[in-house]
Amino acid sequence: MALEQARYEATRAHRQYDTVDPDNRLVAGELERRWNGALASVRALEEELEALLRQRPAALGVEERQRLLQMGADLEAAWHHPAATAVTRKRIVRVVLREIVAQVEGDQIHLLLHWQGGDHQPDGEKKPAGSDAVVRRA
């Protein structure tokens, strides 16, 4: 998106430079400076994009893919593992859930879980006794 915007600005600067009266040297010089700056921005963004593409990790092999799928299927074991800390469990939740929508109605909290794979799962809980449940909105 940034590269697209930079290309647009460079093209616009070029058009402005082309339409200026050559006898108006001050304006022409300023427009040429802007055009050169826009071209430099485009060049820098293209180089940055090329560097990112070179750093892209290679595609997973069959064996690596199978190991990852096996680990994903065994999330319950990872969750209940004796060495799993609260930090580990929070990371698991952040990876598998995209969003949790909570709606409070009386003494009930209705949840809608949006999983990363696209599934949605409704859930509901009774508010803890004596609690003033606070709903945070992101």
Protein backbone atom coordinates (compact mmCIF):
# COMPACT_ATOMS: atom_id res chain seq x y z
CA MET A 1 0.00 0.00 0.00
CA ALA A 2 2.82 2.40 0.86
CA LEU A 3 4.59 1.50 -2.38
CA GLU A 4 1.39 2.11 -4.34
CA GLN A 5 0.99 5.52 -2.69
CA ALA A 6 4.62 6.42 -3.37
CA ARG A 7 4.27 5.45 -7.04
CA TYR A 8 1.13 7.57 -7.31
CA GLU A 9 2.91 10.56 -5.76
CA ALA A 10 5.89 10.12 -8.09
CA THR A 11 3.58 10.01 -11.12
CA ARG A 12 1.73 13.09 -9.90
CA ALA A 13 5.02 14.95 -9.33
CA HIS A 14 6.13 14.00 -12.86
CA ARG A 15 2.88 15.34 -14.36
CA GLN A 16 3.26 18.59 -12.42
CA TYR A 17 6.85 18.94 -13.60
CA ASP A 18 5.84 18.28 -17.21
CA THR A 19 3.13 20.94 -17.16
CA VAL A 20 5.26 23.75 -15.72
CA ASP A 21 6.38 26.60 -17.93
CA PRO A 22 10.15 26.09 -18.53
CA ASP A 23 10.68 29.87 -18.30
CA ASN A 24 9.57 29.74 -14.67
CA ARG A 25 12.84 28.29 -13.38
CA LEU A 26 12.12 28.60 -9.67
CA VAL A 27 8.87 26.64 -9.91
CA ALA A 28 10.39 24.12 -12.33
CA GLY A 29 13.35 23.58 -9.98
CA GLU A 30 11.06 23.01 -7.00
CA LEU A 31 8.85 20.60 -8.94
CA GLU A 32 11.90 18.70 -10.18
CA ARG A 33 13.18 18.44 -6.58
CA ARG A 34 9.81 17.06 -5.44
CA TRP A 35 9.74 14.59 -8.33
CA ASN A 36 13.25 13.36 -7.50
CA GLY A 37 12.27 12.98 -3.83
CA ALA A 38 9.20 10.97 -4.79
CA LEU A 39 11.29 8.73 -7.06
CA ALA A 40 13.77 8.18 -4.22
CA SER A 41 10.90 7.16 -1.93
CA VAL A 42 9.64 4.67 -4.52
CA ARG A 43 13.15 3.23 -4.93
CA ALA A 44 13.59 2.87 -1.15
CA LEU A 45 10.23 1.12 -0.73
CA GLU A 46 10.93 -1.23 -3.65
CA GLU A 47 14.29 -2.16 -2.13
CA GLU A 48 12.65 -2.75 1.25
CA LEU A 49 10.02 -4.99 -0.37
CA GLU A 50 12.69 -6.96 -2.25
CA ALA A 51 14.64 -7.47 1.01
CA LEU A 52 11.51 -8.75 2.74
CA LEU A 53 10.80 -11.14 -0.13
CA ARG A 54 14.36 -12.48 0.05
CA GLN A 55 13.93 -13.12 3.79
CA ARG A 56 10.68 -15.02 3.31
CA PRO A 57 11.02 -18.48 4.86
CA ALA A 58 10.97 -21.46 2.59
CA ALA A 59 7.76 -23.45 2.28
CA LEU A 60 7.26 -26.19 4.85
CA GLY A 61 8.34 -29.66 3.93
CA VAL A 62 5.96 -32.60 4.25
CA GLU A 63 7.55 -33.76 7.50
CA GLU A 64 7.49 -30.29 9.10
CA ARG A 65 3.88 -29.79 8.07
CA GLN A 66 2.87 -33.13 9.60
CA ARG A 67 4.64 -32.26 12.88
CA LEU A 68 2.85 -28.91 13.06
CA LEU A 69 -0.53 -30.50 12.36
CA GLN A 70 0.14 -33.11 15.04
CA MET A 71 1.09 -30.42 17.57
CA GLY A 72 -2.07 -28.47 16.69
CA ALA A 73 -4.21 -31.54 17.23
CA ASP A 74 -2.62 -32.02 20.65
CA LEU A 75 -3.45 -28.57 22.08
CA GLU A 76 -5.30 -30.11 25.00
CA ALA A 77 -2.16 -31.97 26.07
CA ALA A 78 -0.15 -28.74 25.79
CA TRP A 79 -2.78 -26.88 27.85
CA HIS A 80 -2.79 -29.46 30.67
CA HIS A 81 0.95 -30.15 30.60
CA PRO A 82 2.48 -29.75 34.09
CA ALA A 83 5.06 -27.27 32.78
CA ALA A 84 2.44 -25.07 31.09
CA THR A 85 2.35 -21.66 32.75
CA ALA A 86 -0.32 -18.97 32.57
CA VAL A 87 1.86 -17.21 29.99
CA THR A 88 1.93 -20.36 27.83
CA ARG A 89 -1.84 -20.75 28.07
CA LYS A 90 -2.36 -17.09 27.12
CA ARG A 91 -0.18 -17.60 24.05
CA ILE A 92 -2.21 -20.64 23.04
CA VAL A 93 -5.45 -18.65 23.39
CA ARG A 94 -4.02 -15.76 21.35
CA VAL A 95 -3.01 -18.14 18.57
CA VAL A 96 -6.28 -20.07 18.27
CA LEU A 97 -8.83 -17.33 18.99
CA ARG A 98 -9.30 -14.29 16.78
CA GLU A 99 -11.93 -12.52 18.87
CA ILE A 100 -14.24 -13.00 21.85
CA VAL A 101 -17.47 -11.02 21.87
CA ALA A 102 -19.12 -10.72 25.28
CA GLN A 103 -22.64 -9.50 25.93
CA VAL A 104 -23.98 -9.10 29.48
CA GLU A 105 -27.70 -9.68 30.03
CA GLY A 106 -28.83 -9.69 33.64
CA ASP A 107 -26.88 -12.37 35.48
CA GLN A 108 -25.66 -14.05 32.27
CA ILE A 109 -22.60 -13.37 30.14
CA HIS A 110 -23.08 -14.53 26.55
CA LEU A 111 -19.85 -15.18 24.68
CA LEU A 112 -19.24 -15.66 20.99
CA LEU A 113 -15.84 -17.17 20.25
CA HIS A 114 -14.36 -16.45 16.81
CA TRP A 115 -11.69 -19.08 16.09
CA GLN A 116 -8.78 -18.44 13.72
CA GLY A 117 -10.06 -21.10 11.31
CA GLY A 118 -13.28 -19.15 10.79
CA ASP A 119 -15.59 -21.15 13.08
CA HIS A 120 -17.83 -19.36 15.59
CA GLN A 121 -18.88 -20.91 18.87
CA PRO A 122 -21.51 -19.43 21.19
CA ASP A 123 -21.03 -19.97 24.90
CA GLY A 124 -22.63 -18.64 28.04
CA GLU A 125 -21.69 -18.28 31.68
CA LYS A 126 -23.50 -17.14 34.77
CA LYS A 127 -21.91 -14.07 36.33
CA PRO A 128 -20.08 -14.86 39.56
CA ALA A 129 -22.14 -13.98 42.65
CA GLY A 130 -21.61 -10.46 43.91
CA SER A 131 -19.54 -9.43 40.91
CA ASP A 132 -19.89 -6.29 38.92
CA ALA A 133 -18.62 -7.71 35.64
CA VAL A 134 -16.78 -5.16 33.60
CA VAL A 135 -16.92 -5.56 29.84
CA ARG A 136 -13.86 -4.29 27.98
CA ARG A 137 -14.21 -3.31 24.39
CA ALA A 138 -11.21 -3.24 22.10
